[in-house]
PDB file of N, CA and C in Angstrom:
ATOM      1  N   MET A   1      39.084 -23.496  17.146  1.00  0.00           N
ATOM      2  CA  MET A   1      38.676 -22.375  15.962  1.00  0.00           C
ATOM      3  C   MET A   1      37.692 -21.420  16.932  1.00  0.00           C
ATOM      4  N   ALA A   2      38.375 -20.311  16.032  1.00  0.00           N
ATOM      5  CA  ALA A   2      37.856 -18.661  16.895  1.00  0.00           C
ATOM      6  C   ALA A   2      36.379 -18.251  16.408  1.00  0.00           C
ATOM      7  N   SER A   3      35.609 -17.668  17.093  1.00  0.00           N
ATOM      8  CA  SER A   3      34.634 -17.445  16.699  1.00  0.00           C
ATOM      9  C   SER A   3      34.560 -15.627  16.772  1.00  0.00           C
ATOM     10  N   THR A   4      33.764 -15.298  15.480  1.00  0.00           N
ATOM     11  CA  THR A   4      33.646 -13.858  15.832  1.00  0.00           C
ATOM     12  C   THR A   4      32.533 -13.133  16.880  1.00  0.00           C
ATOM     13  N   PRO A   5      33.527 -12.082  17.236  1.00  0.00           N
ATOM     14  CA  PRO A   5      32.303 -11.831  18.460  1.00  0.00           C
ATOM     15  C   PRO A   5      30.777 -11.785  18.134  1.00  0.00           C
ATOM     16  N   SER A   6      29.354 -11.773  19.186  1.00  0.00           N
ATOM     17  CA  SER A   6      28.197 -11.494  18.513  1.00  0.00           C
ATOM     18  C   SER A   6      28.083  -9.707  18.446  1.00  0.00           C
ATOM     19  N   PRO A   7      27.388  -9.133  17.678  1.00  0.00           N
ATOM     20  CA  PRO A   7      27.150  -7.800  17.524  1.00  0.00           C
ATOM     21  C   PRO A   7      26.240  -7.386  18.979  1.00  0.00           C
ATOM     22  N   SER A   8      26.695  -6.377  19.450  1.00  0.00           N
ATOM     23  CA  SER A   8      26.692  -5.820  20.593  1.00  0.00           C
ATOM     24  C   SER A   8      24.633  -5.124  20.198  1.00  0.00           C
ATOM     25  N   PRO A   9      23.782  -5.784  20.998  1.00  0.00           N
ATOM     26  CA  PRO A   9      22.460  -5.428  20.819  1.00  0.00           C
ATOM     27  C   PRO A   9      21.954  -4.253  21.558  1.00  0.00           C
ATOM     28  N   HIS A  10      22.995  -3.784  21.641  1.00  0.00           N
ATOM     29  CA  HIS A  10      23.127  -1.676  21.712  1.00  0.00           C
ATOM     30  C   HIS A  10      23.112  -1.128  20.691  1.00  0.00           C
ATOM     31  N   ASN A  11      23.887  -1.670  19.547  1.00  0.00           N
ATOM     32  CA  ASN A  11      24.266  -1.296  18.319  1.00  0.00           C
ATOM     33  C   ASN A  11      22.910  -1.239  17.281  1.00  0.00           C
ATOM     34  N   ARG A  12      22.442   0.358  17.747  1.00  0.00           N
ATOM     35  CA  ARG A  12      21.692   0.942  17.134  1.00  0.00           C
ATOM     36  C   ARG A  12      21.989   1.373  15.654  1.00  0.00           C
ATOM     37  N   ASN A  13      23.623   0.860  14.881  1.00  0.00           N
ATOM     38  CA  ASN A  13      24.008   1.379  13.634  1.00  0.00           C
ATOM     39  C   ASN A  13      23.871   0.374  12.706  1.00  0.00           C
ATOM     40  N   ARG A  14      22.892  -0.048  13.102  1.00  0.00           N
ATOM     41  CA  ARG A  14      22.368  -1.782  12.137  1.00  0.00           C
ATOM     42  C   ARG A  14      22.369  -1.078  10.437  1.00  0.00           C
ATOM     43  N   ASP A  15      22.402  -1.793   9.152  1.00  0.00           N
ATOM     44  CA  ASP A  15      21.878  -1.759   8.404  1.00  0.00           C
ATOM     45  C   ASP A  15      19.843  -1.879   8.120  1.00  0.00           C
ATOM     46  N   GLU A  16      19.625  -0.836   7.515  1.00  0.00           N
ATOM     47  CA  GLU A  16      18.162  -1.107   7.377  1.00  0.00           C
ATOM     48  C   GLU A  16      17.275  -2.421   6.816  1.00  0.00           C
ATOM     49  N   ASP A  17      18.582  -2.936   6.127  1.00  0.00           N
ATOM     50  CA  ASP A  17      17.842  -4.661   6.442  1.00  0.00           C
ATOM     51  C   ASP A  17      17.721  -5.662   7.643  1.00  0.00           C
ATOM     52  N   GLU A  18      18.269  -4.449   7.926  1.00  0.00           N
ATOM     53  CA  GLU A  18      18.396  -5.557   9.183  1.00  0.00           C
ATOM     54  C   GLU A  18      17.036  -5.168  10.793  1.00  0.00           C
ATOM     55  N   ASP A  19      16.523  -4.225  10.025  1.00  0.00           N
ATOM     56  CA  ASP A  19      15.487  -3.064  11.236  1.00  0.00           C
ATOM     57  C   ASP A  19      15.083  -5.039  11.847  1.00  0.00           C
ATOM     58  N   ASP A  20      14.672  -4.204  13.308  1.00  0.00           N
ATOM     59  CA  ASP A  20      14.397  -5.104  14.077  1.00  0.00           C
ATOM     60  C   ASP A  20      12.847  -4.510  14.410  1.00  0.00           C
ATOM     61  N   LEU A  21      11.886  -6.240  14.220  1.00  0.00           N
ATOM     62  CA  LEU A  21      10.398  -5.905  14.434  1.00  0.00           C
ATOM     63  C   LEU A  21      10.243  -4.592  16.379  1.00  0.00           C
ATOM     64  N   VAL A  22      10.740  -5.023  17.060  1.00  0.00           N
ATOM     65  CA  VAL A  22      10.190  -4.727  18.572  1.00  0.00           C
ATOM     66  C   VAL A  22      11.228  -3.500  18.434  1.00  0.00           C
ATOM     67  N   ASP A  23      11.983  -2.356  16.950  1.00  0.00           N
ATOM     68  CA  ASP A  23      12.881  -1.679  17.480  1.00  0.00           C
ATOM     69  C   ASP A  23      11.901  -0.898  16.975  1.00  0.00           C
ATOM     70  N   GLY A  24      11.240  -1.116  15.869  1.00  0.00           N
ATOM     71  CA  GLY A  24      10.028  -0.320  14.931  1.00  0.00           C
ATOM     72  C   GLY A  24       8.364  -0.206  16.013  1.00  0.00           C
ATOM     73  N   MET A  25       8.516  -1.177  16.363  1.00  0.00           N
ATOM     74  CA  MET A  25       6.743  -0.662  17.193  1.00  0.00           C
ATOM     75  C   MET A  25       7.719   0.756  18.308  1.00  0.00           C
ATOM     76  N   ILE A  26       8.662   0.364  19.045  1.00  0.00           N
ATOM     77  CA  ILE A  26       8.746   0.908  19.895  1.00  0.00           C
ATOM     78  C   ILE A  26       9.261   2.374  19.145  1.00  0.00           C
ATOM     79  N   SER A  27       9.778   2.589  17.978  1.00  0.00           N
ATOM     80  CA  SER A  27       9.989   3.841  18.037  1.00  0.00           C
ATOM     81  C   SER A  27       8.852   4.287  16.894  1.00  0.00           C
ATOM     82  N   ARG A  28       7.397   3.313  16.598  1.00  0.00           N
ATOM     83  CA  ARG A  28       6.162   4.422  16.109  1.00  0.00           C
ATOM     84  C   ARG A  28       5.599   4.863  17.692  1.00  0.00           C
ATOM     85  N   THR A  29       6.318   4.517  18.855  1.00  0.00           N
ATOM     86  CA  THR A  29       5.051   4.976  19.768  1.00  0.00           C
ATOM     87  C   THR A  29       6.360   6.288  20.584  1.00  0.00           C
ATOM     88  N   GLY A  30       7.281   6.706  20.083  1.00  0.00           N
ATOM     89  CA  GLY A  30       7.831   8.150  20.487  1.00  0.00           C
ATOM     90  C   GLY A  30       8.644   8.203  20.965  1.00  0.00           C
ATOM     91  N   CYS A  31       8.784   6.458  21.424  1.00  0.00           N
ATOM     92  CA  CYS A  31       9.420   6.554  23.282  1.00  0.00           C
ATOM     93  C   CYS A  31      11.139   5.966  22.927  1.00  0.00           C
ATOM     94  N   ALA A  32      11.347   6.023  21.967  1.00  0.00           N
ATOM     95  CA  ALA A  32      12.397   4.790  21.508  1.00  0.00           C
ATOM     96  C   ALA A  32      13.831   5.109  22.529  1.00  0.00           C
ATOM     97  N   GLU A  33      14.085   6.582  22.177  1.00  0.00           N
ATOM     98  CA  GLU A  33      15.147   7.167  23.024  1.00  0.00           C
ATOM     99  C   GLU A  33      14.925   6.819  24.156  1.00  0.00           C
ATOM    100  N   LEU A  34      13.903   6.881  24.916  1.00  0.00           N
ATOM    101  CA  LEU A  34      13.850   6.108  26.761  1.00  0.00           C
ATOM    102  C   LEU A  34      14.482   4.832  26.727  1.00  0.00           C
ATOM    103  N   HIS A  35      13.662   3.981  25.367  1.00  0.00           N
ATOM    104  CA  HIS A  35      13.624   2.300  24.970  1.00  0.00           C
ATOM    105  C   HIS A  35      15.538   2.205  25.101  1.00  0.00           C
ATOM    106  N   TYR A  36      16.504   2.940  24.595  1.00  0.00           N
ATOM    107  CA  TYR A  36      17.828   2.561  24.602  1.00  0.00           C
ATOM    108  C   TYR A  36      17.930   3.378  26.146  1.00  0.00           C
ATOM    109  N   ALA A  37      18.095   4.747  26.621  1.00  0.00           N
ATOM    110  CA  ALA A  37      18.379   4.930  28.073  1.00  0.00           C
ATOM    111  C   ALA A  37      18.393   3.438  28.662  1.00  0.00           C
ATOM    112  N   LEU A  38      17.227   3.327  29.000  1.00  0.00           N
ATOM    113  CA  LEU A  38      17.172   1.902  29.727  1.00  0.00           C
ATOM    114  C   LEU A  38      17.794   0.656  29.424  1.00  0.00           C
ATOM    115  N   GLN A  39      18.115   0.195  27.976  1.00  0.00           N
ATOM    116  CA  GLN A  39      19.107  -0.516  27.330  1.00  0.00           C
ATOM    117  C   GLN A  39      20.265  -0.149  27.991  1.00  0.00           C
ATOM    118  N   ASP A  40      20.809   1.158  27.947  1.00  0.00           N
ATOM    119  CA  ASP A  40      22.242   1.015  28.063  1.00  0.00           C
ATOM    120  C   ASP A  40      22.769   0.899  29.344  1.00  0.00           C
ATOM    121  N   CYS A  41      21.297   1.373  30.556  1.00  0.00           N
ATOM    122  CA  CYS A  41      21.397   1.834  32.112  1.00  0.00           C
ATOM    123  C   CYS A  41      21.498   0.228  32.589  1.00  0.00           C
ATOM    124  N   MET A  42      20.722  -0.926  31.922  1.00  0.00           N
ATOM    125  CA  MET A  42      20.902  -2.138  31.731  1.00  0.00           C
ATOM    126  C   MET A  42      21.854  -2.479  31.260  1.00  0.00           C
ATOM    127  N   ALA A  43      22.503  -1.848  30.498  1.00  0.00           N
ATOM    128  CA  ALA A  43      24.186  -3.087  30.593  1.00  0.00           C
ATOM    129  C   ALA A  43      24.641  -2.547  31.414  1.00  0.00           C
ATOM    130  N   GLU A  44      24.741  -1.592  31.495  1.00  0.00           N
ATOM    131  CA  GLU A  44      25.576  -1.213  32.335  1.00  0.00           C
ATOM    132  C   GLU A  44      25.908  -1.635  33.976  1.00  0.00           C
ATOM    133  N   HIS A  45      24.669  -1.748  34.365  1.00  0.00           N
ATOM    134  CA  HIS A  45      25.040  -2.090  35.381  1.00  0.00           C
ATOM    135  C   HIS A  45      24.189  -3.175  35.716  1.00  0.00           C
ATOM    136  N   GLN A  46      23.966  -4.284  35.110  1.00  0.00           N
ATOM    137  CA  GLN A  46      23.310  -5.410  34.778  1.00  0.00           C
ATOM    138  C   GLN A  46      22.687  -5.766  36.148  1.00  0.00           C
ATOM    139  N   ASP A  47      21.746  -4.536  36.851  1.00  0.00           N
ATOM    140  CA  ASP A  47      21.027  -4.702  37.599  1.00  0.00           C
ATOM    141  C   ASP A  47      19.378  -4.024  36.994  1.00  0.00           C
ATOM    142  N   TRP A  48      18.637  -4.473  37.077  1.00  0.00           N
ATOM    143  CA  TRP A  48      17.080  -3.581  36.683  1.00  0.00           C
ATOM    144  C   TRP A  48      16.871  -2.547  37.911  1.00  0.00           C
ATOM    145  N   ARG A  49      16.938  -3.275  38.701  1.00  0.00           N
ATOM    146  CA  ARG A  49      16.659  -2.182  40.375  1.00  0.00           C
ATOM    147  C   ARG A  49      17.188  -0.617  40.239  1.00  0.00           C
ATOM    148  N   LYS A  50      18.734  -0.736  39.808  1.00  0.00           N
ATOM    149  CA  LYS A  50      19.837   0.534  39.401  1.00  0.00           C
ATOM    150  C   LYS A  50      18.995   1.279  38.559  1.00  0.00           C
ATOM    151  N   CYS A  51      17.920   0.926  37.452  1.00  0.00           N
ATOM    152  CA  CYS A  51      17.468   1.577  36.725  1.00  0.00           C
ATOM    153  C   CYS A  51      16.459   2.086  36.817  1.00  0.00           C
ATOM    154  N   GLN A  52      15.875   2.854  37.970  1.00  0.00           N
ATOM    155  CA  GLN A  52      14.000   2.565  38.616  1.00  0.00           C
ATOM    156  C   GLN A  52      14.296   3.925  37.795  1.00  0.00           C
ATOM    157  N   THR A  53      14.919   4.712  37.659  1.00  0.00           N
ATOM    158  CA  THR A  53      14.356   6.171  36.696  1.00  0.00           C
ATOM    159  C   THR A  53      14.059   6.169  35.584  1.00  0.00           C
ATOM    160  N   GLU A  54      15.072   5.322  34.782  1.00  0.00           N
ATOM    161  CA  GLU A  54      14.758   4.810  33.344  1.00  0.00           C
ATOM    162  C   GLU A  54      13.608   4.323  32.980  1.00  0.00           C
ATOM    163  N   VAL A  55      13.421   3.092  33.906  1.00  0.00           N
ATOM    164  CA  VAL A  55      12.314   2.072  34.199  1.00  0.00           C
ATOM    165  C   VAL A  55      11.199   2.868  33.645  1.00  0.00           C
ATOM    166  N   GLN A  56      10.756   4.355  34.808  1.00  0.00           N
ATOM    167  CA  GLN A  56       9.575   5.072  35.177  1.00  0.00           C
ATOM    168  C   GLN A  56       9.503   5.664  33.692  1.00  0.00           C
ATOM    169  N   LYS A  57      10.444   6.688  33.694  1.00  0.00           N
ATOM    170  CA  LYS A  57      10.377   7.174  32.007  1.00  0.00           C
ATOM    171  C   LYS A  57      10.055   6.566  30.895  1.00  0.00           C
ATOM    172  N   PHE A  58      10.408   5.150  30.966  1.00  0.00           N
ATOM    173  CA  PHE A  58      10.199   4.506  29.596  1.00  0.00           C
ATOM    174  C   PHE A  58       8.691   3.888  29.908  1.00  0.00           C
ATOM    175  N   LYS A  59       8.637   3.677  30.393  1.00  0.00           N
ATOM    176  CA  LYS A  59       6.605   3.563  31.659  1.00  0.00           C
ATOM    177  C   LYS A  59       5.905   4.649  30.979  1.00  0.00           C
ATOM    178  N   GLU A  60       5.894   5.657  32.054  1.00  0.00           N
ATOM    179  CA  GLU A  60       4.961   6.978  31.685  1.00  0.00           C
ATOM    180  C   GLU A  60       4.851   7.021  29.992  1.00  0.00           C
ATOM    181  N   CYS A  61       6.079   7.203  29.363  1.00  0.00           N
ATOM    182  CA  CYS A  61       5.642   7.494  28.205  1.00  0.00           C
ATOM    183  C   CYS A  61       5.085   6.586  27.078  1.00  0.00           C
ATOM    184  N   MET A  62       5.083   5.316  27.686  1.00  0.00           N
ATOM    185  CA  MET A  62       4.167   3.827  26.840  1.00  0.00           C
ATOM    186  C   MET A  62       3.006   4.089  26.972  1.00  0.00           C
ATOM    187  N   THR A  63       2.847   4.343  28.613  1.00  0.00           N
ATOM    188  CA  THR A  63       1.453   4.670  28.974  1.00  0.00           C
ATOM    189  C   THR A  63       0.710   5.673  28.384  1.00  0.00           C
ATOM    190  N   THR A  64       1.607   6.209  27.973  1.00  0.00           N
ATOM    191  CA  THR A  64       0.865   7.833  26.846  1.00  0.00           C
ATOM    192  C   THR A  64       0.482   7.868  26.224  1.00  0.00           C
ATOM    193  N   PHE A  65       1.529   7.145  25.011  1.00  0.00           N
ATOM    194  CA  PHE A  65       0.933   6.698  23.749  1.00  0.00           C
ATOM    195  C   PHE A  65       0.181   5.464  23.876  1.00  0.00           C
ATOM    196  N   GLN A  66       0.120   4.458  25.075  1.00  0.00           N
ATOM    197  CA  GLN A  66      -1.222   3.417  24.712  1.00  0.00           C
ATOM    198  C   GLN A  66      -3.058   4.825  24.780  1.00  0.00           C
ATOM    199  N   ASN A  67      -2.734   5.167  25.950  1.00  0.00           N
ATOM    200  CA  ASN A  67      -3.801   5.997  26.195  1.00  0.00           C
ATOM    201  C   ASN A  67      -4.017   6.393  24.904  1.00  0.00           C
ATOM    202  N   THR A  68      -3.373   7.588  24.248  1.00  0.00           N
ATOM    203  CA  THR A  68      -3.641   8.197  23.614  1.00  0.00           C
ATOM    204  C   THR A  68      -4.580   7.213  21.685  1.00  0.00           C
ATOM    205  N   ARG A  69      -3.554   6.490  21.717  1.00  0.00           N
ATOM    206  CA  ARG A  69      -4.059   5.190  20.715  1.00  0.00           C
ATOM    207  C   ARG A  69      -4.969   4.829  20.573  1.00  0.00           C
ATOM    208  N   LYS A  70      -5.649   4.505  22.651  1.00  0.00           N
ATOM    209  CA  LYS A  70      -6.657   4.007  22.143  1.00  0.00           C
ATOM    210  C   LYS A  70      -7.903   4.850  22.268  1.00  0.00           C
ATOM    211  N   GLU A  71      -8.213   6.701  22.846  1.00  0.00           N
ATOM    212  CA  GLU A  71      -8.651   7.063  22.859  1.00  0.00           C
ATOM    213  C   GLU A  71      -8.880   7.083  20.864  1.00  0.00           C
ATOM    214  N   GLN A  72      -8.195   7.376  20.098  1.00  0.00           N
ATOM    215  CA  GLN A  72      -7.794   7.302  18.604  1.00  0.00           C
ATOM    216  C   GLN A  72      -9.061   6.526  17.679  1.00  0.00           C
ATOM    217  N   LEU A  73      -8.675   4.629  18.801  1.00  0.00           N
ATOM    218  CA  LEU A  73      -9.544   3.945  17.820  1.00  0.00           C
ATOM    219  C   LEU A  73     -10.647   3.715  18.592  1.00  0.00           C
ATOM    220  N   LEU A  74     -10.849   4.512  19.804  1.00  0.00           N
ATOM    221  CA  LEU A  74     -12.529   4.744  20.197  1.00  0.00           C
ATOM    222  C   LEU A  74     -13.489   6.088  19.124  1.00  0.00           C
ATOM    223  N   LYS A  75     -12.520   7.229  19.291  1.00  0.00           N
ATOM    224  CA  LYS A  75     -13.301   8.005  17.723  1.00  0.00           C
ATOM    225  C   LYS A  75     -13.246   7.218  16.747  1.00  0.00           C
ATOM    226  N   GLN A  76     -12.338   6.208  16.250  1.00  0.00           N
ATOM    227  CA  GLN A  76     -12.987   5.876  14.759  1.00  0.00           C
ATOM    228  C   GLN A  76     -13.949   4.707  14.810  1.00  0.00           C
ATOM    229  N   ARG A  77     -13.813   4.162  16.022  1.00  0.00           N
ATOM    230  CA  ARG A  77     -15.166   3.155  16.224  1.00  0.00           C
ATOM    231  C   ARG A  77     -16.267   3.767  16.012  1.00  0.00           C
ATOM    232  N   MET A  78     -16.088   5.078  16.882  1.00  0.00           N
ATOM    233  CA  MET A  78     -17.650   6.002  16.954  1.00  0.00           C
ATOM    234  C   MET A  78     -18.223   6.842  15.712  1.00  0.00           C
ATOM    235  N   SER A  79     -17.140   7.225  14.823  1.00  0.00           N
ATOM    236  CA  SER A  79     -17.160   7.185  14.266  1.00  0.00           C
ATOM    237  C   SER A  79     -17.546   6.307  12.718  1.00  0.00           C
ATOM    238  N   ALA A  80     -16.936   5.692  12.416  1.00  0.00           N
ATOM    239  CA  ALA A  80     -18.005   4.508  12.138  1.00  0.00           C
ATOM    240  C   ALA A  80     -19.148   3.714  12.721  1.00  0.00           C
ATOM    241  N   THR A  81     -19.263   4.281  13.443  1.00  0.00           N
ATOM    242  CA  THR A  81     -20.861   3.432  14.143  1.00  0.00           C
ATOM    243  C   THR A  81     -21.692   4.210  13.973  1.00  0.00           C
ATOM    244  N   GLN A  82     -21.245   5.713  14.004  1.00  0.00           N
ATOM    245  CA  GLN A  82     -22.393   6.985  13.091  1.00  0.00           C
ATOM    246  C   GLN A  82     -22.528   6.909  12.055  1.00  0.00           C
ATOM    247  N   SER A  83     -21.701   6.083  11.063  1.00  0.00           N
ATOM    248  CA  SER A  83     -22.274   6.490   8.816  1.00  0.00           C
ATOM    249  C   SER A  83     -22.544   4.993   9.342  1.00  0.00           C
ATOM    250  N   ALA A  84     -22.938   4.147   9.884  1.00  0.00           N
ATOM    251  CA  ALA A  84     -23.333   3.350   9.135  1.00  0.00           C
ATOM    252  C   ALA A  84     -25.098   3.327   9.307  1.00  0.00           C
TER     253      ALA A  84
END
């Protein structure tokens, strides 16, 4: 019995109905292209040690996003406290 090959996990041409939760979260960070570059590197080399440039760039982007988000939440919390 022949099975159909599974789709590539790096295929970014999915139908909208098949949106992946993780892809959606990463897209909202603004770091999606760096994430895809890291995935492509990992698929090519099969060794994360050979993808350190991509790992570092993605990490820096995510850290920047997290710090910005943290600042936004603190400002919201402060303004809610002051108006209460």
